[in-house]
């Protein structure tokens, strides 16, 4: 299983998004401050999201060999919460 680390910036609001057959709330994430926000359809294991804060997180990503049809092929695990800023 290949694993690597990346930094994610998590926005202070969730948005409605489509996930297969249903609707859900997605966190807004980006990898660099200069990028646009994108919908994040997965969970980050070990991370508890609280609306109204912008987070910088260090996460580990792992490829999932045979993911369920409605799930991500990447598993995200929190390594470190670098910052949490009230927005």
Protein backbone atom coordinates (compact mmCIF):
# COMPACT_ATOMS: atom_id res chain seq x y z
CA UNK A 1 0.00 0.00 0.00
CA UNK A 2 1.52 3.29 -1.08
CA UNK A 3 1.24 6.05 1.50
CA UNK A 4 2.28 9.66 1.38
CA UNK A 5 1.68 12.91 3.17
CA UNK A 6 0.03 16.10 1.99
CA UNK A 7 -1.16 19.35 3.49
CA UNK A 8 -4.82 20.28 3.11
CA UNK A 9 -6.46 23.63 3.86
CA UNK A 10 -10.06 23.08 5.02
CA UNK A 11 -12.52 25.94 4.63
CA UNK A 12 -14.83 27.33 7.33
CA UNK A 13 -18.09 26.30 5.61
CA UNK A 14 -19.51 23.07 4.20
CA UNK A 15 -21.54 23.05 0.99
CA UNK A 16 -24.29 20.85 -0.37
CA UNK A 17 -22.89 18.34 -2.84
CA UNK A 18 -24.01 15.22 -4.67
CA UNK A 19 -22.53 11.91 -3.64
CA UNK A 20 -23.80 9.15 -5.90
CA UNK A 21 -27.50 8.71 -5.20
CA UNK A 22 -27.72 11.14 -2.29
CA UNK A 23 -26.92 14.65 -1.19
CA UNK A 24 -24.50 15.41 1.58
CA UNK A 25 -22.43 18.19 3.09
CA UNK A 26 -18.89 18.44 1.74
CA UNK A 27 -15.96 20.19 3.32
CA UNK A 28 -14.19 22.68 1.06
CA UNK A 29 -10.48 21.96 0.65
CA UNK A 30 -7.45 23.12 -1.28
CA UNK A 31 -3.79 22.15 -1.20
CA UNK A 32 -2.40 25.67 -1.69
CA UNK A 33 -3.69 29.03 -0.47
CA UNK A 34 -3.73 30.33 -4.07
CA UNK A 35 -6.02 27.56 -5.37
CA UNK A 36 -9.81 27.58 -5.56
CA UNK A 37 -11.86 25.59 -3.05
CA UNK A 38 -12.95 22.12 -4.18
CA UNK A 39 -15.51 19.74 -2.69
CA UNK A 40 -14.02 17.04 -0.47
CA UNK A 41 -16.14 13.87 -0.60
CA UNK A 42 -14.16 11.77 1.88
CA UNK A 43 -13.70 11.80 5.62
CA UNK A 44 -10.38 12.41 7.32
CA UNK A 45 -9.89 9.75 9.97
CA UNK A 46 -9.13 11.32 13.35
CA UNK A 47 -10.30 14.82 12.34
CA UNK A 48 -13.42 16.47 13.78
CA UNK A 49 -14.67 19.33 11.62
CA UNK A 50 -16.13 22.39 13.32
CA UNK A 51 -17.83 25.00 11.07
CA UNK A 52 -16.54 28.57 11.28
CA UNK A 53 -12.86 27.64 11.36
CA UNK A 54 -10.24 27.32 8.65
CA UNK A 55 -7.86 24.44 9.27
CA UNK A 56 -4.45 23.51 7.97
CA UNK A 57 -4.02 19.76 8.27
CA UNK A 58 -1.21 17.37 7.56
CA UNK A 59 -2.75 14.10 6.36
CA UNK A 60 -1.57 10.70 5.20
CA UNK A 61 -3.12 9.36 2.01
CA UNK A 62 -3.37 5.67 1.22
CA UNK A 63 -4.74 4.01 -1.90
CA UNK A 64 -7.58 1.56 -1.23
CA UNK A 65 -7.23 -1.48 -3.47
CA UNK A 66 -10.93 -2.34 -3.93
CA UNK A 67 -13.06 0.56 -2.71
CA UNK A 68 -16.87 0.29 -2.59
CA UNK A 69 -18.54 1.80 -5.66
CA UNK A 70 -19.77 4.83 -3.71
CA UNK A 71 -16.56 5.49 -1.81
CA UNK A 72 -13.26 7.21 -2.46
CA UNK A 73 -10.27 5.18 -3.62
CA UNK A 74 -8.09 7.16 -1.20
CA UNK A 75 -8.15 6.96 2.59
CA UNK A 76 -7.18 10.12 4.47
CA UNK A 77 -5.80 9.95 8.02
CA UNK A 78 -4.96 12.98 10.16
CA UNK A 79 -1.29 13.24 11.11
CA UNK A 80 -1.36 16.73 12.60
CA UNK A 81 -3.69 19.72 12.88
CA UNK A 82 -1.24 22.50 12.02
CA UNK A 83 -3.66 25.36 12.69
CA UNK A 84 -7.31 26.22 13.43
CA UNK A 85 -8.29 29.82 12.70
CA UNK A 86 -11.68 31.41 13.49
CA UNK A 87 -13.24 32.84 10.30
